[in-house]
Amino acid sequence: PRQTGKTTVLLALMEHLNAHGRYRALYANIETA
């Protein structure tokens, strides 16, 4: 549901993946599309 932390989880996952160096993850908000 809305306002339950989905974006916060995705941003943390991005940082986690990038910190381990195997992947290069990015977050792009295309909500305005």
PDB file of all heavy atoms in Angstrom:
ATOM      1  N   PRO A   1       0.824  -1.220   0.000  1.00  0.00           N
ATOM      2  CA  PRO A   1       0.000   0.000   0.000  1.00  0.00           C
ATOM      3  C   PRO A   1       0.857   1.269   0.000  1.00  0.00           C
ATOM      4  O   PRO A   1       2.058   1.238   0.276  1.00  0.00           O
ATOM      5  CB  PRO A   1      -0.793  -0.111   1.306  1.00  0.00           C
ATOM      6  CG  PRO A   1      -0.762  -1.546   1.672  1.00  0.00           C
ATOM      7  CD  PRO A   1       0.547  -2.066   1.151  1.00  0.00           C
ATOM      8  N   ARG A   2       0.206   2.383  -0.274  1.00  0.00           N
ATOM      9  CA  ARG A   2       0.875   3.683  -0.269  1.00  0.00           C
ATOM     10  C   ARG A   2       1.495   3.961   1.096  1.00  0.00           C
ATOM     11  O   ARG A   2       0.984   3.545   2.130  1.00  0.00           O
ATOM     12  CB  ARG A   2      -0.142   4.799  -0.552  1.00  0.00           C
ATOM     13  CG  ARG A   2      -0.698   4.783  -1.953  1.00  0.00           C
ATOM     14  CD  ARG A   2      -1.660   5.947  -2.181  1.00  0.00           C
ATOM     15  NE  ARG A   2      -0.906   7.200  -2.250  1.00  0.00           N
ATOM     16  CZ  ARG A   2      -1.047   8.202  -1.385  1.00  0.00           C
ATOM     17  NH1 ARG A   2      -1.904   8.130  -0.399  1.00  0.00           N
ATOM     18  NH2 ARG A   2      -0.324   9.296  -1.524  1.00  0.00           N
ATOM     19  N   GLN A   3       2.601   4.677   1.064  1.00  0.00           N
ATOM     20  CA  GLN A   3       3.255   5.177   2.278  1.00  0.00           C
ATOM     21  C   GLN A   3       3.700   4.075   3.244  1.00  0.00           C
ATOM     22  O   GLN A   3       3.622   4.227   4.454  1.00  0.00           O
ATOM     23  CB  GLN A   3       2.319   6.155   3.015  1.00  0.00           C
ATOM     24  CG  GLN A   3       1.914   7.359   2.206  1.00  0.00           C
ATOM     25  CD  GLN A   3       3.082   8.299   1.960  1.00  0.00           C
ATOM     26  OE1 GLN A   3       3.809   8.646   2.869  1.00  0.00           O
ATOM     27  NE2 GLN A   3       3.286   8.679   0.704  1.00  0.00           N
ATOM     28  N   THR A   4       4.131   2.929   2.697  1.00  0.00           N
ATOM     29  CA  THR A   4       4.580   1.839   3.567  1.00  0.00           C
ATOM     30  C   THR A   4       6.074   1.577   3.458  1.00  0.00           C
ATOM     31  O   THR A   4       6.567   0.621   4.058  1.00  0.00           O
ATOM     32  CB  THR A   4       3.810   0.539   3.277  1.00  0.00           C
ATOM     33  OG1 THR A   4       3.957   0.198   1.902  1.00  0.00           O
ATOM     34  CG2 THR A   4       2.332   0.678   3.610  1.00  0.00           C
ATOM     35  N   GLY A   5       6.804   2.375   2.676  1.00  0.00           N
ATOM     36  CA  GLY A   5       8.249   2.252   2.634  1.00  0.00           C
ATOM     37  C   GLY A   5       8.829   1.586   1.409  1.00  0.00           C
ATOM     38  O   GLY A   5      10.003   1.190   1.410  1.00  0.00           O
ATOM     39  N   LYS A   6       8.062   1.467   0.334  1.00  0.00           N
ATOM     40  CA  LYS A   6       8.575   0.810  -0.881  1.00  0.00           C
ATOM     41  C   LYS A   6       9.784   1.558  -1.445  1.00  0.00           C
ATOM     42  O   LYS A   6      10.806   0.941  -1.756  1.00  0.00           O
ATOM     43  CB  LYS A   6       7.473   0.714  -1.944  1.00  0.00           C
ATOM     44  CG  LYS A   6       6.293  -0.168  -1.565  1.00  0.00           C
ATOM     45  CD  LYS A   6       5.245  -0.197  -2.635  1.00  0.00           C
ATOM     46  CE  LYS A   6       4.613   1.136  -2.922  1.00  0.00           C
ATOM     47  NZ  LYS A   6       3.824   1.719  -1.832  1.00  0.00           N
ATOM     48  N   THR A   7       9.694   2.857  -1.572  1.00  0.00           N
ATOM     49  CA  THR A   7      10.806   3.634  -2.114  1.00  0.00           C
ATOM     50  C   THR A   7      12.013   3.557  -1.187  1.00  0.00           C
ATOM     51  O   THR A   7      13.152   3.403  -1.647  1.00  0.00           O
ATOM     52  CB  THR A   7      10.390   5.106  -2.333  1.00  0.00           C
ATOM     53  OG1 THR A   7       9.287   5.135  -3.242  1.00  0.00           O
ATOM     54  CG2 THR A   7      11.534   5.931  -2.893  1.00  0.00           C
ATOM     55  N   THR A   8      11.785   3.619   0.100  1.00  0.00           N
ATOM     56  CA  THR A   8      12.879   3.515   1.066  1.00  0.00           C
ATOM     57  C   THR A   8      13.582   2.167   0.931  1.00  0.00           C
ATOM     58  O   THR A   8      14.819   2.095   0.952  1.00  0.00           O
ATOM     59  CB  THR A   8      12.348   3.728   2.501  1.00  0.00           C
ATOM     60  OG1 THR A   8      11.737   5.024   2.580  1.00  0.00           O
ATOM     61  CG2 THR A   8      13.456   3.627   3.526  1.00  0.00           C
ATOM     62  N   VAL A   9      12.819   1.091   0.751  1.00  0.00           N
ATOM     63  CA  VAL A   9      13.414  -0.240   0.557  1.00  0.00           C
ATOM     64  C   VAL A   9      14.219  -0.276  -0.744  1.00  0.00           C
ATOM     65  O   VAL A   9      15.344  -0.788  -0.769  1.00  0.00           O
ATOM     66  CB  VAL A   9      12.328  -1.344   0.569  1.00  0.00           C
ATOM     67  CG1 VAL A   9      12.881  -2.671   0.066  1.00  0.00           C
ATOM     68  CG2 VAL A   9      11.750  -1.504   1.960  1.00  0.00           C
ATOM     69  N   LEU A  10      13.672   0.272  -1.819  1.00  0.00           N
ATOM     70  CA  LEU A  10      14.388   0.261  -3.099  1.00  0.00           C
ATOM     71  C   LEU A  10      15.685   1.064  -3.025  1.00  0.00           C
ATOM     72  O   LEU A  10      16.710   0.645  -3.571  1.00  0.00           O
ATOM     73  CB  LEU A  10      13.497   0.797  -4.218  1.00  0.00           C
ATOM     74  CG  LEU A  10      12.404  -0.148  -4.689  1.00  0.00           C
ATOM     75  CD1 LEU A  10      11.493   0.553  -5.695  1.00  0.00           C
ATOM     76  CD2 LEU A  10      12.997  -1.400  -5.291  1.00  0.00           C
ATOM     77  N   LEU A  11      15.662   2.202  -2.353  1.00  0.00           N
ATOM     78  CA  LEU A  11      16.880   2.996  -2.220  1.00  0.00           C
ATOM     79  C   LEU A  11      17.927   2.251  -1.381  1.00  0.00           C
ATOM     80  O   LEU A  11      19.121   2.265  -1.706  1.00  0.00           O
ATOM     81  CB  LEU A  11      16.560   4.360  -1.616  1.00  0.00           C
ATOM     82  CG  LEU A  11      15.748   5.293  -2.520  1.00  0.00           C
ATOM     83  CD1 LEU A  11      15.292   6.532  -1.752  1.00  0.00           C
ATOM     84  CD2 LEU A  11      16.544   5.688  -3.746  1.00  0.00           C
ATOM     85  N   ALA A  12      17.489   1.582  -0.314  1.00  0.00           N
ATOM     86  CA  ALA A  12      18.413   0.795   0.515  1.00  0.00           C
ATOM     87  C   ALA A  12      18.968  -0.387  -0.284  1.00  0.00           C
ATOM     88  O   ALA A  12      20.158  -0.719  -0.175  1.00  0.00           O
ATOM     89  CB  ALA A  12      17.712   0.317   1.787  1.00  0.00           C
ATOM     90  N   LEU A  13      18.113  -1.029  -1.083  1.00  0.00           N
ATOM     91  CA  LEU A  13      18.566  -2.140  -1.918  1.00  0.00           C
ATOM     92  C   LEU A  13      19.589  -1.656  -2.947  1.00  0.00           C
ATOM     93  O   LEU A  13      20.600  -2.311  -3.183  1.00  0.00           O
ATOM     94  CB  LEU A  13      17.376  -2.801  -2.610  1.00  0.00           C
ATOM     95  CG  LEU A  13      17.692  -3.987  -3.505  1.00  0.00           C
ATOM     96  CD1 LEU A  13      18.326  -5.130  -2.708  1.00  0.00           C
ATOM     97  CD2 LEU A  13      16.408  -4.476  -4.187  1.00  0.00           C
ATOM     98  N   MET A  14      19.346  -0.504  -3.536  1.00  0.00           N
ATOM     99  CA  MET A  14      20.291   0.069  -4.482  1.00  0.00           C
ATOM    100  C   MET A  14      21.649   0.287  -3.810  1.00  0.00           C
ATOM    101  O   MET A  14      22.693  -0.100  -4.346  1.00  0.00           O
ATOM    102  CB  MET A  14      19.759   1.399  -5.019  1.00  0.00           C
ATOM    103  CG  MET A  14      20.711   2.113  -5.958  1.00  0.00           C
ATOM    104  SD  MET A  14      20.165   3.796  -6.367  1.00  0.00           S
ATOM    105  CE  MET A  14      20.402   4.619  -4.791  1.00  0.00           C
ATOM    106  N   GLU A  15      21.652   0.883  -2.623  1.00  0.00           N
ATOM    107  CA  GLU A  15      22.902   1.112  -1.902  1.00  0.00           C
ATOM    108  C   GLU A  15      23.593  -0.211  -1.576  1.00  0.00           C
ATOM    109  O   GLU A  15      24.812  -0.336  -1.707  1.00  0.00           O
ATOM    110  CB  GLU A  15      22.637   1.908  -0.628  1.00  0.00           C
ATOM    111  CG  GLU A  15      22.291   3.356  -0.894  1.00  0.00           C
ATOM    112  CD  GLU A  15      22.028   4.135   0.385  1.00  0.00           C
ATOM    113  OE1 GLU A  15      22.387   3.654   1.477  1.00  0.00           O
ATOM    114  OE2 GLU A  15      21.470   5.234   0.282  1.00  0.00           O
ATOM    115  N   HIS A  16      22.821  -1.205  -1.158  1.00  0.00           N
ATOM    116  CA  HIS A  16      23.363  -2.526  -0.825  1.00  0.00           C
ATOM    117  C   HIS A  16      24.031  -3.157  -2.051  1.00  0.00           C
ATOM    118  O   HIS A  16      25.164  -3.638  -1.968  1.00  0.00           O
ATOM    119  CB  HIS A  16      22.236  -3.424  -0.300  1.00  0.00           C
ATOM    120  CG  HIS A  16      22.609  -4.852  -0.157  1.00  0.00           C
ATOM    121  ND1 HIS A  16      23.309  -5.332   0.924  1.00  0.00           N
ATOM    122  CD2 HIS A  16      22.389  -5.915  -0.968  1.00  0.00           C
ATOM    123  CE1 HIS A  16      23.506  -6.641   0.763  1.00  0.00           C
ATOM    124  NE2 HIS A  16      22.951  -7.011  -0.373  1.00  0.00           N
ATOM    125  N   LEU A  17      23.338  -3.157  -3.166  1.00  0.00           N
ATOM    126  CA  LEU A  17      23.889  -3.758  -4.384  1.00  0.00           C
ATOM    127  C   LEU A  17      25.140  -3.027  -4.864  1.00  0.00           C
ATOM    128  O   LEU A  17      26.130  -3.643  -5.243  1.00  0.00           O
ATOM    129  CB  LEU A  17      22.836  -3.782  -5.493  1.00  0.00           C
ATOM    130  CG  LEU A  17      21.642  -4.708  -5.253  1.00  0.00           C
ATOM    131  CD1 LEU A  17      20.552  -4.440  -6.283  1.00  0.00           C
ATOM    132  CD2 LEU A  17      22.069  -6.164  -5.270  1.00  0.00           C
ATOM    133  N   ASN A  18      25.115  -1.709  -4.815  1.00  0.00           N
ATOM    134  CA  ASN A  18      26.264  -0.925  -5.262  1.00  0.00           C
ATOM    135  C   ASN A  18      27.459  -1.094  -4.320  1.00  0.00           C
ATOM    136  O   ASN A  18      28.603  -1.103  -4.767  1.00  0.00           O
ATOM    137  CB  ASN A  18      25.892   0.553  -5.401  1.00  0.00           C
ATOM    138  CG  ASN A  18      24.988   0.804  -6.590  1.00  0.00           C
ATOM    139  OD1 ASN A  18      24.947   0.030  -7.537  1.00  0.00           O
ATOM    140  ND2 ASN A  18      24.237   1.885  -6.538  1.00  0.00           N
ATOM    141  N   ALA A  19      27.199  -1.233  -3.030  1.00  0.00           N
ATOM    142  CA  ALA A  19      28.281  -1.375  -2.054  1.00  0.00           C
ATOM    143  C   ALA A  19      29.065  -2.668  -2.253  1.00  0.00           C
ATOM    144  O   ALA A  19      30.256  -2.730  -1.966  1.00  0.00           O
ATOM    145  CB  ALA A  19      27.718  -1.320  -0.634  1.00  0.00           C
ATOM    146  N   HIS A  20      28.387  -3.710  -2.755  1.00  0.00           N
ATOM    147  CA  HIS A  20      29.059  -4.989  -2.944  1.00  0.00           C
ATOM    148  C   HIS A  20      29.794  -5.067  -4.289  1.00  0.00           C
ATOM    149  O   HIS A  20      30.522  -6.021  -4.541  1.00  0.00           O
ATOM    150  CB  HIS A  20      28.053  -6.141  -2.796  1.00  0.00           C
ATOM    151  CG  HIS A  20      27.642  -6.329  -1.365  1.00  0.00           C
ATOM    152  ND1 HIS A  20      26.667  -5.567  -0.773  1.00  0.00           N
ATOM    153  CD2 HIS A  20      28.103  -7.161  -0.418  1.00  0.00           C
ATOM    154  CE1 HIS A  20      26.536  -5.929   0.482  1.00  0.00           C
ATOM    155  NE2 HIS A  20      27.399  -6.897   0.730  1.00  0.00           N
ATOM    156  N   GLY A  21      29.607  -4.082  -5.160  1.00  0.00           N
ATOM    157  CA  GLY A  21      30.391  -3.960  -6.373  1.00  0.00           C
ATOM    158  C   GLY A  21      30.071  -4.904  -7.516  1.00  0.00           C
ATOM    159  O   GLY A  21      30.635  -4.771  -8.588  1.00  0.00           O
ATOM    160  N   ARG A  22      29.189  -5.844  -7.311  1.00  0.00           N
ATOM    161  CA  ARG A  22      28.886  -6.786  -8.392  1.00  0.00           C
ATOM    162  C   ARG A  22      27.926  -6.185  -9.419  1.00  0.00           C
ATOM    163  O   ARG A  22      27.964  -6.518 -10.594  1.00  0.00           O
ATOM    164  CB  ARG A  22      28.289  -8.051  -7.802  1.00  0.00           C
ATOM    165  CG  ARG A  22      28.073  -9.103  -8.846  1.00  0.00           C
ATOM    166  CD  ARG A  22      27.853 -10.439  -8.252  1.00  0.00           C
ATOM    167  NE  ARG A  22      27.771 -11.393  -9.341  1.00  0.00           N
ATOM    168  CZ  ARG A  22      27.515 -12.642  -9.184  1.00  0.00           C
ATOM    169  NH1 ARG A  22      27.346 -13.129  -7.989  1.00  0.00           N
ATOM    170  NH2 ARG A  22      27.435 -13.450 -10.213  1.00  0.00           N
ATOM    171  N   TYR A  23      27.054  -5.323  -8.956  1.00  0.00           N
ATOM    172  CA  TYR A  23      26.067  -4.687  -9.829  1.00  0.00           C
ATOM    173  C   TYR A  23      26.182  -3.177  -9.684  1.00  0.00           C
ATOM    174  O   TYR A  23      26.669  -2.671  -8.679  1.00  0.00           O
ATOM    175  CB  TYR A  23      24.639  -5.108  -9.433  1.00  0.00           C
ATOM    176  CG  TYR A  23      24.422  -6.592  -9.490  1.00  0.00           C
ATOM    177  CD1 TYR A  23      24.393  -7.352  -8.328  1.00  0.00           C
ATOM    178  CD2 TYR A  23      24.249  -7.241 -10.704  1.00  0.00           C
ATOM    179  CE1 TYR A  23      24.190  -8.725  -8.372  1.00  0.00           C
ATOM    180  CE2 TYR A  23      24.052  -8.610 -10.760  1.00  0.00           C
ATOM    181  CZ  TYR A  23      24.024  -9.342  -9.588  1.00  0.00           C
ATOM    182  OH  TYR A  23      23.832 -10.688  -9.655  1.00  0.00           O
ATOM    183  N   ARG A  24      25.687  -2.475 -10.673  1.00  0.00           N
ATOM    184  CA  ARG A  24      25.545  -1.025 -10.581  1.00  0.00           C
ATOM    185  C   ARG A  24      24.064  -0.727 -10.703  1.00  0.00           C
ATOM    186  O   ARG A  24      23.485  -0.836 -11.785  1.00  0.00           O
ATOM    187  CB  ARG A  24      26.326  -0.313 -11.683  1.00  0.00           C
ATOM    188  CG  ARG A  24      26.195   1.194 -11.548  1.00  0.00           C
ATOM    189  CD  ARG A  24      27.071   1.933 -12.468  1.00  0.00           C
ATOM    190  NE  ARG A  24      28.455   1.670 -12.073  1.00  0.00           N
ATOM    191  CZ  ARG A  24      29.492   2.120 -12.755  1.00  0.00           C
ATOM    192  NH1 ARG A  24      29.325   2.814 -13.846  1.00  0.00           N
ATOM    193  NH2 ARG A  24      30.713   1.864 -12.353  1.00  0.00           N
ATOM    194  N   ALA A  25      23.469  -0.406  -9.589  1.00  0.00           N
ATOM    195  CA  ALA A  25      22.026  -0.161  -9.545  1.00  0.00           C
ATOM    196  C   ALA A  25      21.761   1.341  -9.467  1.00  0.00           C
ATOM    197  O   ALA A  25      22.560   2.096  -8.924  1.00  0.00           O
ATOM    198  CB  ALA A  25      21.422  -0.860  -8.327  1.00  0.00           C
ATOM    199  N   LEU A  26      20.636   1.754 -10.031  1.00  0.00           N
ATOM    200  CA  LEU A  26      20.212   3.137  -9.907  1.00  0.00           C
ATOM    201  C   LEU A  26      18.716   3.176  -9.698  1.00  0.00           C
ATOM    202  O   LEU A  26      18.002   2.222 -10.003  1.00  0.00           O
ATOM    203  CB  LEU A  26      20.618   3.963 -11.132  1.00  0.00           C
ATOM    204  CG  LEU A  26      19.969   3.630 -12.471  1.00  0.00           C
ATOM    205  CD1 LEU A  26      18.724   4.465 -12.677  1.00  0.00           C
ATOM    206  CD2 LEU A  26      20.958   3.897 -13.584  1.00  0.00           C
ATOM    207  N   TYR A  27      18.264   4.273  -9.151  1.00  0.00           N
ATOM    208  CA  TYR A  27      16.842   4.477  -8.926  1.00  0.00           C
ATOM    209  C   TYR A  27      16.412   5.646  -9.790  1.00  0.00           C
ATOM    210  O   TYR A  27      17.043   6.707  -9.766  1.00  0.00           O
ATOM    211  CB  TYR A  27      16.573   4.786  -7.448  1.00  0.00           C
ATOM    212  CG  TYR A  27      15.151   5.168  -7.166  1.00  0.00           C
ATOM    213  CD1 TYR A  27      14.174   4.195  -7.019  1.00  0.00           C
ATOM    214  CD2 TYR A  27      14.775   6.497  -7.071  1.00  0.00           C
ATOM    215  CE1 TYR A  27      12.857   4.537  -6.769  1.00  0.00           C
ATOM    216  CE2 TYR A  27      13.457   6.844  -6.825  1.00  0.00           C
ATOM    217  CZ  TYR A  27      12.511   5.867  -6.680  1.00  0.00           C
ATOM    218  OH  TYR A  27      11.200   6.205  -6.435  1.00  0.00           O
ATOM    219  N   ALA A  28      15.383   5.453 -10.568  1.00  0.00           N
ATOM    220  CA  ALA A  28      14.849   6.520 -11.407  1.00  0.00           C
ATOM    221  C   ALA A  28      13.346   6.610 -11.157  1.00  0.00           C
ATOM    222  O   ALA A  28      12.618   5.654 -11.393  1.00  0.00           O
ATOM    223  CB  ALA A  28      15.121   6.237 -12.877  1.00  0.00           C
ATOM    224  N   ASN A  29      12.908   7.739 -10.681  1.00  0.00           N
ATOM    225  CA  ASN A  29      11.489   7.956 -10.442  1.00  0.00           C
ATOM    226  C   ASN A  29      10.868   8.507 -11.725  1.00  0.00           C
ATOM    227  O   ASN A  29      11.185   9.611 -12.150  1.00  0.00           O
ATOM    228  CB  ASN A  29      11.288   8.939  -9.291  1.00  0.00           C
ATOM    229  CG  ASN A  29       9.834   9.126  -8.941  1.00  0.00           C
ATOM    230  OD1 ASN A  29       8.943   8.842  -9.736  1.00  0.00           O
ATOM    231  ND2 ASN A  29       9.580   9.607  -7.745  1.00  0.00           N
ATOM    232  N   ILE A  30      10.020   7.711 -12.340  1.00  0.00           N
ATOM    233  CA  ILE A  30       9.371   8.159 -13.582  1.00  0.00           C
ATOM    234  C   ILE A  30       7.866   8.380 -13.357  1.00  0.00           C
ATOM    235  O   ILE A  30       7.072   8.318 -14.276  1.00  0.00           O
ATOM    236  CB  ILE A  30       9.617   7.164 -14.741  1.00  0.00           C
ATOM    237  CG1 ILE A  30       9.163   5.758 -14.368  1.00  0.00           C
ATOM    238  CG2 ILE A  30      11.082   7.180 -15.144  1.00  0.00           C
ATOM    239  CD1 ILE A  30       9.176   4.792 -15.511  1.00  0.00           C
ATOM    240  N   GLU A  31       7.532   8.680 -12.111  1.00  0.00           N
ATOM    241  CA  GLU A  31       6.127   8.896 -11.764  1.00  0.00           C
ATOM    242  C   GLU A  31       5.505  10.025 -12.590  1.00  0.00           C
ATOM    243  O   GLU A  31       4.340   9.956 -12.962  1.00  0.00           O
ATOM    244  CB  GLU A  31       6.011   9.217 -10.270  1.00  0.00           C
ATOM    245  CG  GLU A  31       4.590   9.253  -9.768  1.00  0.00           C
ATOM    246  CD  GLU A  31       4.525   9.383  -8.266  1.00  0.00           C
ATOM    247  OE1 GLU A  31       5.559   9.293  -7.594  1.00  0.00           O
ATOM    248  OE2 GLU A  31       3.413   9.579  -7.762  1.00  0.00           O
ATOM    249  N   THR A  32       6.283  11.048 -12.900  1.00  0.00           N
ATOM    250  CA  THR A  32       5.739  12.161 -13.686  1.00  0.00           C
ATOM    251  C   THR A  32       5.348  11.721 -15.096  1.00  0.00           C
ATOM    252  O   THR A  32       4.582  12.408 -15.767  1.00  0.00           O
ATOM    253  CB  THR A  32       6.743  13.323 -13.772  1.00  0.00           C
ATOM    254  OG1 THR A  32       7.960  12.836 -14.336  1.00  0.00           O
ATOM    255  CG2 THR A  32       7.016  13.929 -12.406  1.00  0.00           C
ATOM    256  N   ALA A  33       5.845  10.577 -15.552  1.00  0.00           N
ATOM    257  CA  ALA A  33       5.504  10.075 -16.883  1.00  0.00           C
ATOM    258  C   ALA A  33       4.043   9.633 -16.958  1.00  0.00           C
ATOM    259  O   ALA A  33       3.509   9.442 -18.048  1.00  0.00           O
ATOM    260  CB  ALA A  33       6.415   8.914 -17.265  1.00  0.00           C
TER     261      ALA A  33
END
